[in-house]
Amino acid sequence: MTDDMADRAARARDFIDASDWANAPIAPFTGDASNRRYFRLVSAAGRRAVLMDAPPGKGEDIAPFISIAAWLRDLGLSAPALYAEDRVNGFLLLEDLGDALYARAAKKGGMPERAAYLAAMDVLVSIARAQMPKAVAAYDTEAMAPLAGLAGTWYAGDDDLAKAVSAATAGALDALPSAKTTLVLRDYHAENLIWLPERAGAARVGLLDFQDARLGHPAYDLASLLHDARRDVPEEVQRALLQGFATAMEWDLADLALALATQSAQRNLRILGVFARLSLHFGKSGYVDFIPRVHSNLMKDLSHPALAPLREVASALPSPTPSFLQDLRDRCGTIPVPA
């Protein structure tokens, strides 16, 4: 254990021991693509909680998570309750929503997939109908287009292509019919949703990883949900959600299909770049395994006739052939993180 890790562990222990979970053992729980780490605690009385360790020294900030969680709970949605916080050191004690992640529960057959995904759609409808929270940054063309360019920078290794992808993405986003801005959680997919069948309605969906929420297009999170980077959502479920969302939002189905394809294309371009960067910069080669699905999702998005200009530019991105993917794995962790 490094000195930094030992210091974080000591601070976490002090934080926990000042709470109702004093002396509770800390067990590694899960992690994600950021510098945040999660641990599960079980008190002597059998109560459970989750410790979020978000080191400020590595750019993490728990304040957005706290404010967005409160806003979601005020809507009657199942964001984790907050038990204790230490904003200076970056620790939170949160409600433990359990282990029934959509991806895991669906695989084990312990979740009615269509009903669970319709409930997840209801969450998005509830958010879209709500008054937006204040002091949340925009996720608009100016913010989104450069992120699409990450596919050129990291996945293709071509800065000129990155600029072209960014410009073409900006054109596609600006061409969309106007829509009411809503809160977009941005990582709304099966690894961040927990099935809570004992609750009712949209509250059956436990929500995780929303600290990067922004104000953006209502179709963005629907694209995250249906065009998942880690699992295939059944076509029948996709059709049901597309029709259900269009009806609930009083949208023309064709307009929604275009918005969904455009928002999804931007997201998949960004993810191609992010997954490549996580491998090349940080040695997380497991993300390479998801690239073929992300690329396939992107190609489906770009098949929409209105996205022909973006499709022409994106066609210069390498196909995820076995040799291309192996090259990414071979270069895993070889590009240093800038000091």
C-alpha atoms as a PDB file:
ATOM      1  CA  MET A   1       0.000   0.000   0.000  1.00  0.00           C
ATOM      2  CA  THR A   2       1.389   3.410  -0.978  1.00  0.00           C
ATOM      3  CA  ASP A   3       1.616   6.264   1.513  1.00  0.00           C
ATOM      4  CA  ASP A   4      -1.236   8.032  -0.287  1.00  0.00           C
ATOM      5  CA  MET A   5      -3.459   4.957  -0.109  1.00  0.00           C
ATOM      6  CA  ALA A   6      -2.603   4.449   3.562  1.00  0.00           C
ATOM      7  CA  ASP A   7      -3.504   8.069   4.270  1.00  0.00           C
ATOM      8  CA  ARG A   8      -6.851   7.708   2.460  1.00  0.00           C
ATOM      9  CA  ALA A   9      -7.589   4.510   4.373  1.00  0.00           C
ATOM     10  CA  ALA A  10      -6.838   6.210   7.708  1.00  0.00           C
ATOM     11  CA  ARG A  11      -9.021   9.200   6.868  1.00  0.00           C
ATOM     12  CA  ALA A  12     -11.831   6.897   5.751  1.00  0.00           C
ATOM     13  CA  ARG A  13     -11.592   4.976   9.006  1.00  0.00           C
ATOM     14  CA  ASP A  14     -11.828   8.200  11.027  1.00  0.00           C
ATOM     15  CA  PHE A  15     -14.834   9.320   8.992  1.00  0.00           C
ATOM     16  CA  ILE A  16     -16.642   6.007   9.458  1.00  0.00           C
ATOM     17  CA  ASP A  17     -15.887   5.783  13.165  1.00  0.00           C
ATOM     18  CA  ALA A  18     -17.487   9.191  13.701  1.00  0.00           C
ATOM     19  CA  SER A  19     -20.740   7.837  12.208  1.00  0.00           C
ATOM     20  CA  ASP A  20     -23.333   5.214  13.117  1.00  0.00           C
ATOM     21  CA  TRP A  21     -21.084   2.643  11.414  1.00  0.00           C
ATOM     22  CA  ALA A  22     -18.189   2.988  13.874  1.00  0.00           C
ATOM     23  CA  ASN A  23     -15.833  -0.019  13.761  1.00  0.00           C
ATOM     24  CA  ALA A  24     -17.715  -1.539  10.809  1.00  0.00           C
ATOM     25  CA  PRO A  25     -15.434  -3.517   8.487  1.00  0.00           C
ATOM     26  CA  ILE A  26     -14.760  -1.997   5.070  1.00  0.00           C
ATOM     27  CA  ALA A  27     -15.122  -4.366   2.109  1.00  0.00           C
ATOM     28  CA  PRO A  28     -14.296  -3.357  -1.493  1.00  0.00           C
ATOM     29  CA  PHE A  29     -17.556  -2.987  -3.358  1.00  0.00           C
ATOM     30  CA  THR A  30     -17.125  -1.680  -6.880  1.00  0.00           C
ATOM     31  CA  GLY A  31     -15.463   1.014  -8.909  1.00  0.00           C
ATOM     32  CA  ASP A  32     -15.828   2.841 -12.181  1.00  0.00           C
ATOM     33  CA  ALA A  33     -13.813   4.651 -14.803  1.00  0.00           C
ATOM     34  CA  SER A  34     -13.081   7.596 -12.496  1.00  0.00           C
ATOM     35  CA  ASN A  35     -10.877   7.982  -9.432  1.00  0.00           C
ATOM     36  CA  ARG A  36     -13.818   7.227  -7.161  1.00  0.00           C
ATOM     37  CA  ARG A  37     -13.886   3.985  -5.195  1.00  0.00           C
ATOM     38  CA  TYR A  38     -16.744   2.328  -3.334  1.00  0.00           C
ATOM     39  CA  PHE A  39     -16.849   0.098  -0.252  1.00  0.00           C
ATOM     40  CA  ARG A  40     -19.618  -1.708   1.597  1.00  0.00           C
ATOM     41  CA  LEU A  41     -20.044  -1.415   5.358  1.00  0.00           C
ATOM     42  CA  VAL A  42     -22.103  -3.611   7.667  1.00  0.00           C
ATOM     43  CA  SER A  43     -22.629  -2.312  11.204  1.00  0.00           C
ATOM     44  CA  ALA A  44     -22.684  -4.502  14.298  1.00  0.00           C
ATOM     45  CA  ALA A  45     -26.480  -4.196  14.178  1.00  0.00           C
ATOM     46  CA  GLY A  46     -26.535  -5.454  10.591  1.00  0.00           C
ATOM     47  CA  ARG A  47     -27.240  -2.108   8.915  1.00  0.00           C
ATOM     48  CA  ARG A  48     -25.570  -1.625   5.548  1.00  0.00           C
ATOM     49  CA  ALA A  49     -24.119   1.440   3.872  1.00  0.00           C
ATOM     50  CA  VAL A  50     -21.835   2.325   0.981  1.00  0.00           C
ATOM     51  CA  LEU A  51     -18.720   4.437   1.398  1.00  0.00           C
ATOM     52  CA  MET A  52     -17.837   6.644  -1.558  1.00  0.00           C
ATOM     53  CA  ASP A  53     -14.154   7.605  -1.587  1.00  0.00           C
ATOM     54  CA  ALA A  54     -13.726  10.531  -3.989  1.00  0.00           C
ATOM     55  CA  PRO A  55     -10.241  12.041  -3.433  1.00  0.00           C
ATOM     56  CA  PRO A  56     -10.238  15.812  -4.005  1.00  0.00           C
ATOM     57  CA  GLY A  57      -6.520  15.637  -4.809  1.00  0.00           C
ATOM     58  CA  LYS A  58      -7.408  13.639  -7.934  1.00  0.00           C
ATOM     59  CA  GLY A  59     -10.020  16.076  -9.156  1.00  0.00           C
ATOM     60  CA  GLU A  60     -13.073  14.514  -7.508  1.00  0.00           C
ATOM     61  CA  ASP A  61     -15.808  16.640  -5.942  1.00  0.00           C
ATOM     62  CA  ILE A  62     -18.700  15.151  -3.991  1.00  0.00           C
ATOM     63  CA  ALA A  63     -20.756  18.367  -3.922  1.00  0.00           C
ATOM     64  CA  PRO A  64     -22.503  17.734  -7.291  1.00  0.00           C
ATOM     65  CA  PHE A  65     -23.438  14.200  -6.220  1.00  0.00           C
ATOM     66  CA  ILE A  66     -24.973  15.525  -2.999  1.00  0.00           C
ATOM     67  CA  SER A  67     -27.033  18.229  -4.724  1.00  0.00           C
ATOM     68  CA  ILE A  68     -28.240  16.073  -7.638  1.00  0.00           C
ATOM     69  CA  ALA A  69     -29.127  13.194  -5.288  1.00  0.00           C
ATOM     70  CA  ALA A  70     -31.259  15.526  -3.177  1.00  0.00           C
ATOM     71  CA  TRP A  71     -32.996  16.873  -6.301  1.00  0.00           C
ATOM     72  CA  LEU A  72     -33.753  13.361  -7.551  1.00  0.00           C
ATOM     73  CA  ARG A  73     -35.094  12.237  -4.172  1.00  0.00           C
ATOM     74  CA  ASP A  74     -37.356  15.303  -4.064  1.00  0.00           C
ATOM     75  CA  LEU A  75     -38.918  13.971  -7.280  1.00  0.00           C
ATOM     76  CA  GLY A  76     -39.656  10.675  -5.508  1.00  0.00           C
ATOM     77  CA  LEU A  77     -36.868   8.859  -7.348  1.00  0.00           C
ATOM     78  CA  SER A  78     -34.462   6.372  -5.782  1.00  0.00           C
ATOM     79  CA  ALA A  79     -31.149   8.156  -5.521  1.00  0.00           C
ATOM     80  CA  PRO A  80     -29.241   6.899  -2.456  1.00  0.00           C
ATOM     81  CA  ALA A  81     -30.045   8.598   0.839  1.00  0.00           C
ATOM     82  CA  LEU A  82     -27.131  10.458   2.394  1.00  0.00           C
ATOM     83  CA  TYR A  83     -26.085   9.304   5.877  1.00  0.00           C
ATOM     84  CA  ALA A  84     -22.866  11.280   6.454  1.00  0.00           C
ATOM     85  CA  GLU A  85     -20.515  13.505   4.483  1.00  0.00           C
ATOM     86  CA  ASP A  86     -16.992  14.903   4.627  1.00  0.00           C
ATOM     87  CA  ARG A  87     -16.649  17.408   1.813  1.00  0.00           C
ATOM     88  CA  VAL A  88     -13.093  18.376   2.731  1.00  0.00           C
ATOM     89  CA  ASN A  89     -11.700  14.860   2.395  1.00  0.00           C
ATOM     90  CA  GLY A  90     -14.184  13.578  -0.184  1.00  0.00           C
ATOM     91  CA  PHE A  91     -16.111  10.884   1.691  1.00  0.00           C
ATOM     92  CA  LEU A  92     -19.814  10.022   1.670  1.00  0.00           C
ATOM     93  CA  LEU A  93     -21.801   7.362   3.500  1.00  0.00           C
ATOM     94  CA  LEU A  94     -24.756   6.397   1.346  1.00  0.00           C
ATOM     95  CA  GLU A  95     -27.792   4.165   1.399  1.00  0.00           C
ATOM     96  CA  ASP A  96     -26.938   0.698   0.098  1.00  0.00           C
ATOM     97  CA  LEU A  97     -29.408   0.005  -2.705  1.00  0.00           C
ATOM     98  CA  GLY A  98     -28.269  -3.589  -3.061  1.00  0.00           C
ATOM     99  CA  ASP A  99     -26.669  -5.701  -5.761  1.00  0.00           C
ATOM    100  CA  ALA A 100     -29.434  -6.054  -8.362  1.00  0.00           C
ATOM    101  CA  LEU A 101     -27.781  -4.009 -11.084  1.00  0.00           C
ATOM    102  CA  TYR A 102     -29.854  -4.212 -14.254  1.00  0.00           C
ATOM    103  CA  ALA A 103     -26.995  -5.887 -16.134  1.00  0.00           C
ATOM    104  CA  ARG A 104     -26.539  -8.511 -13.427  1.00  0.00           C
ATOM    105  CA  ALA A 105     -30.224  -9.097 -12.655  1.00  0.00           C
ATOM    106  CA  ALA A 106     -31.151  -9.450 -16.318  1.00  0.00           C
ATOM    107  CA  LYS A 107     -28.357 -11.954 -16.884  1.00  0.00           C
ATOM    108  CA  LYS A 108     -29.500 -14.044 -13.928  1.00  0.00           C
ATOM    109  CA  GLY A 109     -33.149 -13.874 -14.958  1.00  0.00           C
ATOM    110  CA  GLY A 110     -34.102 -12.149 -11.711  1.00  0.00           C
ATOM    111  CA  MET A 111     -35.641  -9.078 -13.339  1.00  0.00           C
ATOM    112  CA  PRO A 112     -38.623  -8.629 -15.677  1.00  0.00           C
ATOM    113  CA  GLU A 113     -36.596  -6.867 -18.338  1.00  0.00           C
ATOM    114  CA  ARG A 114     -39.371  -5.096 -20.207  1.00  0.00           C
ATOM    115  CA  ALA A 115     -41.007  -3.794 -17.013  1.00  0.00           C
ATOM    116  CA  ALA A 116     -37.672  -2.726 -15.550  1.00  0.00           C
ATOM    117  CA  TYR A 117     -36.692  -0.797 -18.666  1.00  0.00           C
ATOM    118  CA  LEU A 118     -40.119   0.831 -18.865  1.00  0.00           C
ATOM    119  CA  ALA A 119     -39.641   1.947 -15.250  1.00  0.00           C
ATOM    120  CA  ALA A 120     -36.256   3.374 -16.231  1.00  0.00           C
ATOM    121  CA  MET A 121     -38.013   5.257 -19.033  1.00  0.00           C
ATOM    122  CA  ASP A 122     -40.504   6.596 -16.485  1.00  0.00           C
ATOM    123  CA  VAL A 123     -37.570   8.014 -14.512  1.00  0.00           C
ATOM    124  CA  LEU A 124     -36.516  10.004 -17.572  1.00  0.00           C
ATOM    125  CA  VAL A 125     -40.052  11.248 -18.153  1.00  0.00           C
ATOM    126  CA  SER A 126     -40.288  12.380 -14.512  1.00  0.00           C
ATOM    127  CA  ILE A 127     -37.005  14.247 -14.848  1.00  0.00           C
ATOM    128  CA  ALA A 128     -38.009  15.852 -18.153  1.00  0.00           C
ATOM    129  CA  ARG A 129     -41.269  17.129 -16.676  1.00  0.00           C
ATOM    130  CA  ALA A 130     -39.629  18.613 -13.579  1.00  0.00           C
ATOM    131  CA  GLN A 131     -38.338  22.111 -13.027  1.00  0.00           C
ATOM    132  CA  MET A 132     -34.621  21.999 -13.696  1.00  0.00           C
ATOM    133  CA  PRO A 133     -32.115  22.339 -10.861  1.00  0.00           C
ATOM    134  CA  LYS A 134     -30.078  25.515 -10.698  1.00  0.00           C
ATOM    135  CA  ALA A 135     -26.333  25.943 -11.179  1.00  0.00           C
ATOM    136  CA  VAL A 136     -25.930  22.953 -13.508  1.00  0.00           C
ATOM    137  CA  ALA A 137     -23.724  23.367 -16.586  1.00  0.00           C
ATOM    138  CA  ALA A 138     -25.067  22.948 -20.104  1.00  0.00           C
ATOM    139  CA  TYR A 139     -24.456  19.823 -22.149  1.00  0.00           C
ATOM    140  CA  ASP A 140     -24.992  21.524 -25.482  1.00  0.00           C
ATOM    141  CA  THR A 141     -23.257  21.532 -28.857  1.00  0.00           C
ATOM    142  CA  GLU A 142     -20.342  23.557 -27.534  1.00  0.00           C
ATOM    143  CA  ALA A 143     -19.703  20.966 -24.817  1.00  0.00           C
ATOM    144  CA  MET A 144     -20.604  17.828 -26.756  1.00  0.00           C
ATOM    145  CA  ALA A 145     -18.872  18.281 -30.110  1.00  0.00           C
ATOM    146  CA  PRO A 146     -15.277  18.333 -28.781  1.00  0.00           C
ATOM    147  CA  LEU A 147     -16.021  15.199 -26.742  1.00  0.00           C
ATOM    148  CA  ALA A 148     -17.069  13.384 -29.920  1.00  0.00           C
ATOM    149  CA  GLY A 149     -13.648  14.303 -31.262  1.00  0.00           C
ATOM    150  CA  LEU A 150     -12.055  12.032 -28.663  1.00  0.00           C
ATOM    151  CA  ALA A 151     -12.766   9.200 -31.100  1.00  0.00           C
ATOM    152  CA  GLY A 152     -10.277  10.800 -33.463  1.00  0.00           C
ATOM    153  CA  THR A 153      -7.702  11.742 -30.833  1.00  0.00           C
ATOM    154  CA  TRP A 154      -7.565   8.501 -28.849  1.00  0.00           C
ATOM    155  CA  TYR A 155      -9.275   5.758 -30.804  1.00  0.00           C
ATOM    156  CA  ALA A 156      -7.864   6.690 -34.228  1.00  0.00           C
ATOM    157  CA  GLY A 157      -4.783   8.608 -33.032  1.00  0.00           C
ATOM    158  CA  ASP A 158      -5.460  11.357 -35.579  1.00  0.00           C
ATOM    159  CA  ASP A 159      -5.866  14.946 -34.403  1.00  0.00           C
ATOM    160  CA  ASP A 160      -7.028  16.154 -37.821  1.00  0.00           C
ATOM    161  CA  LEU A 161      -9.758  13.521 -37.819  1.00  0.00           C
ATOM    162  CA  ALA A 162     -10.701  14.594 -34.300  1.00  0.00           C
ATOM    163  CA  LYS A 163     -11.338  18.138 -35.555  1.00  0.00           C
ATOM    164  CA  ALA A 164     -13.383  16.863 -38.485  1.00  0.00           C
ATOM    165  CA  VAL A 165     -15.481  14.587 -36.257  1.00  0.00           C
ATOM    166  CA  SER A 166     -16.094  17.445 -33.822  1.00  0.00           C
ATOM    167  CA  ALA A 167     -17.205  19.783 -36.604  1.00  0.00           C
ATOM    168  CA  ALA A 168     -19.494  17.204 -38.200  1.00  0.00           C
ATOM    169  CA  THR A 169     -21.004  16.320 -34.824  1.00  0.00           C
ATOM    170  CA  ALA A 170     -21.674  19.997 -34.126  1.00  0.00           C
ATOM    171  CA  GLY A 171     -23.498  20.248 -37.447  1.00  0.00           C
ATOM    172  CA  ALA A 172     -25.652  17.218 -36.651  1.00  0.00           C
ATOM    173  CA  LEU A 173     -26.525  18.461 -33.168  1.00  0.00           C
ATOM    174  CA  ASP A 174     -27.361  21.970 -34.374  1.00  0.00           C
ATOM    175  CA  ALA A 175     -29.651  20.544 -37.056  1.00  0.00           C
ATOM    176  CA  LEU A 176     -31.949  18.858 -34.518  1.00  0.00           C
ATOM    177  CA  PRO A 177     -35.384  20.387 -33.943  1.00  0.00           C
ATOM    178  CA  SER A 178     -35.464  22.390 -30.725  1.00  0.00           C
ATOM    179  CA  ALA A 179     -36.472  20.544 -27.568  1.00  0.00           C
ATOM    180  CA  LYS A 180     -36.991  21.472 -23.948  1.00  0.00           C
ATOM    181  CA  THR A 181     -33.738  21.214 -22.013  1.00  0.00           C
ATOM    182  CA  THR A 182     -33.735  18.666 -19.209  1.00  0.00           C
ATOM    183  CA  LEU A 183     -31.320  17.206 -16.693  1.00  0.00           C
ATOM    184  CA  VAL A 184     -29.267  14.452 -18.313  1.00  0.00           C
ATOM    185  CA  LEU A 185     -27.552  12.028 -15.935  1.00  0.00           C
ATOM    186  CA  ARG A 186     -25.107  11.068 -18.736  1.00  0.00           C
ATOM    187  CA  ASP A 187     -24.262   7.531 -17.580  1.00  0.00           C
ATOM    188  CA  TYR A 188     -27.774   6.135 -17.540  1.00  0.00           C
ATOM    189  CA  HIS A 189     -27.225   2.465 -18.372  1.00  0.00           C
ATOM    190  CA  ALA A 190     -27.530  -1.049 -16.987  1.00  0.00           C
ATOM    191  CA  GLU A 191     -24.385  -0.887 -14.846  1.00  0.00           C
ATOM    192  CA  ASN A 192     -25.684   2.194 -13.008  1.00  0.00           C
ATOM    193  CA  LEU A 193     -29.316   1.177 -12.441  1.00  0.00           C
ATOM    194  CA  ILE A 194     -30.512  -1.113  -9.636  1.00  0.00           C
ATOM    195  CA  TRP A 195     -33.810  -3.004  -9.738  1.00  0.00           C
ATOM    196  CA  LEU A 196     -35.838  -2.381  -6.555  1.00  0.00           C
ATOM    197  CA  PRO A 197     -39.056  -4.382  -7.068  1.00  0.00           C
ATOM    198  CA  GLU A 198     -40.286  -3.706  -3.539  1.00  0.00           C
ATOM    199  CA  ARG A 199     -40.769  -0.036  -4.425  1.00  0.00           C
ATOM    200  CA  ALA A 200     -43.418   1.429  -6.711  1.00  0.00           C
ATOM    201  CA  GLY A 201     -43.409   3.083 -10.126  1.00  0.00           C
ATOM    202  CA  ALA A 202     -40.273   4.929 -11.197  1.00  0.00           C
ATOM    203  CA  ALA A 203     -38.880   4.520  -7.664  1.00  0.00           C
ATOM    204  CA  ARG A 204     -38.197   0.878  -8.568  1.00  0.00           C
ATOM    205  CA  VAL A 205     -35.084   2.138 -10.344  1.00  0.00           C
ATOM    206  CA  GLY A 206     -32.109   2.763  -8.055  1.00  0.00           C
ATOM    207  CA  LEU A 207     -29.905   5.508  -9.469  1.00  0.00           C
ATOM    208  CA  LEU A 208     -26.104   5.650  -9.321  1.00  0.00           C
ATOM    209  CA  ASP A 209     -23.281   7.692 -10.863  1.00  0.00           C
ATOM    210  CA  PHE A 210     -25.054  10.952 -11.676  1.00  0.00           C
ATOM    211  CA  GLN A 211     -22.532  13.457 -10.326  1.00  0.00           C
ATOM    212  CA  ASP A 212     -21.654  14.555 -13.877  1.00  0.00           C
ATOM    213  CA  ALA A 213     -25.257  15.481 -14.716  1.00  0.00           C
ATOM    214  CA  ARG A 214     -25.764  18.416 -17.061  1.00  0.00           C
ATOM    215  CA  LEU A 215     -28.628  20.245 -18.758  1.00  0.00           C
ATOM    216  CA  GLY A 216     -29.163  18.810 -22.206  1.00  0.00           C
ATOM    217  CA  HIS A 217     -31.428  17.060 -24.700  1.00  0.00           C
ATOM    218  CA  PRO A 218     -34.135  14.711 -23.317  1.00  0.00           C
ATOM    219  CA  ALA A 219     -33.118  11.964 -25.777  1.00  0.00           C
ATOM    220  CA  TYR A 220     -29.549  11.730 -24.463  1.00  0.00           C
ATOM    221  CA  ASP A 221     -30.208   9.480 -21.457  1.00  0.00           C
ATOM    222  CA  LEU A 222     -32.658   7.413 -23.493  1.00  0.00           C
ATOM    223  CA  ALA A 223     -29.786   6.808 -25.931  1.00  0.00           C
ATOM    224  CA  SER A 224     -27.527   5.803 -23.024  1.00  0.00           C
ATOM    225  CA  LEU A 225     -30.155   3.335 -21.822  1.00  0.00           C
ATOM    226  CA  LEU A 226     -31.039   1.718 -25.150  1.00  0.00           C
ATOM    227  CA  HIS A 227     -27.632   1.787 -26.881  1.00  0.00           C
ATOM    228  CA  ASP A 228     -25.703   0.431 -23.922  1.00  0.00           C
ATOM    229  CA  ALA A 229     -21.938   0.120 -24.315  1.00  0.00           C
ATOM    230  CA  ARG A 230     -21.826  -3.047 -22.203  1.00  0.00           C
ATOM    231  CA  ARG A 231     -24.922  -5.089 -23.099  1.00  0.00           C
ATOM    232  CA  ASP A 232     -27.465  -5.500 -25.873  1.00  0.00           C
ATOM    233  CA  VAL A 233     -30.980  -4.349 -25.040  1.00  0.00           C
ATOM    234  CA  PRO A 234     -33.596  -6.562 -26.777  1.00  0.00           C
ATOM    235  CA  GLU A 235     -35.100  -4.984 -29.895  1.00  0.00           C
ATOM    236  CA  GLU A 236     -38.627  -5.465 -28.538  1.00  0.00           C
ATOM    237  CA  VAL A 237     -37.712  -3.510 -25.412  1.00  0.00           C
ATOM    238  CA  GLN A 238     -36.113  -0.757 -27.487  1.00  0.00           C
ATOM    239  CA  ARG A 239     -39.251  -0.394 -29.617  1.00  0.00           C
ATOM    240  CA  ALA A 240     -41.494  -0.281 -26.536  1.00  0.00           C
ATOM    241  CA  LEU A 241     -39.404   2.456 -24.929  1.00  0.00           C
ATOM    242  CA  LEU A 242     -39.132   4.490 -28.104  1.00  0.00           C
ATOM    243  CA  GLN A 243     -42.911   4.461 -28.542  1.00  0.00           C
ATOM    244  CA  GLY A 244     -43.558   4.992 -24.839  1.00  0.00           C
ATOM    245  CA  PHE A 245     -41.179   7.935 -24.587  1.00  0.00           C
ATOM    246  CA  ALA A 246     -42.592   9.582 -27.708  1.00  0.00           C
ATOM    247  CA  THR A 247     -46.114   9.252 -26.325  1.00  0.00           C
ATOM    248  CA  ALA A 248     -45.224  10.518 -22.846  1.00  0.00           C
ATOM    249  CA  MET A 249     -43.264  13.468 -24.226  1.00  0.00           C
ATOM    250  CA  GLU A 250     -45.851  14.172 -26.955  1.00  0.00           C
ATOM    251  CA  TRP A 251     -43.176  13.892 -29.640  1.00  0.00           C
ATOM    252  CA  ASP A 252     -43.480  12.768 -33.217  1.00  0.00           C
ATOM    253  CA  LEU A 253     -41.892   9.316 -33.390  1.00  0.00           C
ATOM    254  CA  ALA A 254     -39.756  10.239 -36.402  1.00  0.00           C
ATOM    255  CA  ASP A 255     -38.402  13.328 -34.627  1.00  0.00           C
ATOM    256  CA  LEU A 256     -37.530  11.223 -31.592  1.00  0.00           C
ATOM    257  CA  ALA A 257     -35.799   8.628 -33.784  1.00  0.00           C
ATOM    258  CA  LEU A 258     -33.596  11.349 -35.306  1.00  0.00           C
ATOM    259  CA  ALA A 259     -32.826  12.900 -31.915  1.00  0.00           C
ATOM    260  CA  LEU A 260     -32.014   9.490 -30.481  1.00  0.00           C
ATOM    261  CA  ALA A 261     -29.663   8.607 -33.345  1.00  0.00           C
ATOM    262  CA  THR A 262     -27.885  11.968 -33.157  1.00  0.00           C
ATOM    263  CA  GLN A 263     -27.442  12.023 -29.384  1.00  0.00           C
ATOM    264  CA  SER A 264     -26.372   8.372 -29.445  1.00  0.00           C
ATOM    265  CA  ALA A 265     -23.840   8.991 -32.218  1.00  0.00           C
ATOM    266  CA  GLN A 266     -22.181  11.730 -30.183  1.00  0.00           C
ATOM    267  CA  ARG A 267     -22.158   9.511 -27.127  1.00  0.00           C
ATOM    268  CA  ASN A 268     -20.681   6.528 -28.937  1.00  0.00           C
ATOM    269  CA  LEU A 269     -17.978   8.651 -30.562  1.00  0.00           C
ATOM    270  CA  ARG A 270     -17.053   9.977 -27.123  1.00  0.00           C
ATOM    271  CA  ILE A 271     -17.050   6.486 -25.607  1.00  0.00           C
ATOM    272  CA  LEU A 272     -14.763   5.118 -28.320  1.00  0.00           C
ATOM    273  CA  GLY A 273     -12.249   7.794 -27.364  1.00  0.00           C
ATOM    274  CA  VAL A 274     -12.715   7.403 -23.626  1.00  0.00           C
ATOM    275  CA  PHE A 275     -12.355   3.609 -23.675  1.00  0.00           C
ATOM    276  CA  ALA A 276      -9.208   3.856 -25.785  1.00  0.00           C
ATOM    277  CA  ARG A 277      -7.799   6.516 -23.454  1.00  0.00           C
ATOM    278  CA  LEU A 278      -8.581   4.450 -20.353  1.00  0.00           C
ATOM    279  CA  SER A 279      -6.566   1.628 -21.870  1.00  0.00           C
ATOM    280  CA  LEU A 280      -3.651   3.647 -23.270  1.00  0.00           C
ATOM    281  CA  HIS A 281      -3.315   6.108 -20.382  1.00  0.00           C
ATOM    282  CA  PHE A 282      -4.402   4.127 -17.362  1.00  0.00           C
ATOM    283  CA  GLY A 283      -3.760   0.509 -18.300  1.00  0.00           C
ATOM    284  CA  LYS A 284      -7.457  -0.476 -18.100  1.00  0.00           C
ATOM    285  CA  SER A 285      -7.363  -2.902 -21.011  1.00  0.00           C
ATOM    286  CA  GLY A 286     -10.746  -4.418 -20.128  1.00  0.00           C
ATOM    287  CA  TYR A 287     -12.416  -1.448 -21.792  1.00  0.00           C
ATOM    288  CA  VAL A 288     -11.041  -2.597 -25.143  1.00  0.00           C
ATOM    289  CA  ASP A 289     -13.468  -5.527 -24.969  1.00  0.00           C
ATOM    290  CA  PHE A 290     -16.435  -3.159 -25.183  1.00  0.00           C
ATOM    291  CA  ILE A 291     -15.203  -1.276 -28.247  1.00  0.00           C
ATOM    292  CA  PRO A 292     -16.769  -3.572 -30.894  1.00  0.00           C
ATOM    293  CA  ARG A 293     -20.247  -3.092 -29.390  1.00  0.00           C
ATOM    294  CA  VAL A 294     -19.759   0.679 -29.154  1.00  0.00           C
ATOM    295  CA  HIS A 295     -18.587   0.813 -32.765  1.00  0.00           C
ATOM    296  CA  SER A 296     -21.560  -1.317 -33.855  1.00  0.00           C
ATOM    297  CA  ASN A 297     -23.941   1.018 -32.004  1.00  0.00           C
ATOM    298  CA  LEU A 298     -22.296   3.981 -33.728  1.00  0.00           C
ATOM    299  CA  MET A 299     -22.754   2.443 -37.167  1.00  0.00           C
ATOM    300  CA  LYS A 300     -26.450   1.859 -36.432  1.00  0.00           C
ATOM    301  CA  ASP A 301     -26.807   5.481 -35.320  1.00  0.00           C
ATOM    302  CA  LEU A 302     -25.111   6.766 -38.462  1.00  0.00           C
ATOM    303  CA  SER A 303     -27.406   4.736 -40.713  1.00  0.00           C
ATOM    304  CA  HIS A 304     -30.049   7.428 -40.190  1.00  0.00           C
ATOM    305  CA  PRO A 305     -30.293   9.305 -43.508  1.00  0.00           C
ATOM    306  CA  ALA A 306     -30.094  12.719 -41.841  1.00  0.00           C
ATOM    307  CA  LEU A 307     -26.677  11.842 -40.405  1.00  0.00           C
ATOM    308  CA  ALA A 308     -25.025  11.216 -43.789  1.00  0.00           C
ATOM    309  CA  PRO A 309     -22.499  14.091 -43.384  1.00  0.00           C
ATOM    310  CA  LEU A 310     -21.358  12.795 -40.004  1.00  0.00           C
ATOM    311  CA  ARG A 311     -21.317   9.227 -41.342  1.00  0.00           C
ATOM    312  CA  GLU A 312     -18.989  10.272 -44.158  1.00  0.00           C
ATOM    313  CA  VAL A 313     -16.485  11.793 -41.723  1.00  0.00           C
ATOM    314  CA  ALA A 314     -16.750   8.974 -39.163  1.00  0.00           C
ATOM    315  CA  SER A 315     -16.122   6.379 -41.858  1.00  0.00           C
ATOM    316  CA  ALA A 316     -12.433   7.296 -41.547  1.00  0.00           C
ATOM    317  CA  LEU A 317     -12.349   5.803 -38.028  1.00  0.00           C
ATOM    318  CA  PRO A 318     -10.644   2.390 -37.932  1.00  0.00           C
ATOM    319  CA  SER A 319     -12.852  -0.677 -37.769  1.00  0.00           C
ATOM    320  CA  PRO A 320     -12.373  -2.643 -34.532  1.00  0.00           C
ATOM    321  CA  THR A 321     -10.760  -5.633 -36.218  1.00  0.00           C
ATOM    322  CA  PRO A 322      -9.014  -8.246 -34.057  1.00  0.00           C
ATOM    323  CA  SER A 323      -5.617  -6.875 -35.079  1.00  0.00           C
ATOM    324  CA  PHE A 324      -6.623  -3.286 -34.272  1.00  0.00           C
ATOM    325  CA  LEU A 325      -7.946  -4.293 -30.856  1.00  0.00           C
ATOM    326  CA  GLN A 326      -4.835  -6.341 -30.130  1.00  0.00           C
ATOM    327  CA  ASP A 327      -2.683  -3.328 -30.952  1.00  0.00           C
ATOM    328  CA  LEU A 328      -4.645  -1.292 -28.393  1.00  0.00           C
ATOM    329  CA  ARG A 329      -4.085  -4.011 -25.794  1.00  0.00           C
ATOM    330  CA  ASP A 330      -0.383  -4.203 -26.621  1.00  0.00           C
ATOM    331  CA  ARG A 331      -0.077  -0.450 -26.037  1.00  0.00           C
ATOM    332  CA  CYS A 332      -2.076  -0.580 -22.813  1.00  0.00           C
ATOM    333  CA  GLY A 333      -0.655   1.841 -20.232  1.00  0.00           C
ATOM    334  CA  THR A 334       2.139   3.052 -22.520  1.00  0.00           C
ATOM    335  CA  ILE A 335       1.041   6.675 -22.893  1.00  0.00           C
ATOM    336  CA  PRO A 336       1.869   8.581 -19.693  1.00  0.00           C
ATOM    337  CA  VAL A 337      -0.713  10.775 -18.007  1.00  0.00           C
ATOM    338  CA  PRO A 338       0.429  14.419 -18.271  1.00  0.00           C
ATOM    339  CA  ALA A 339       1.911  15.723 -15.024  1.00  0.00           C
END
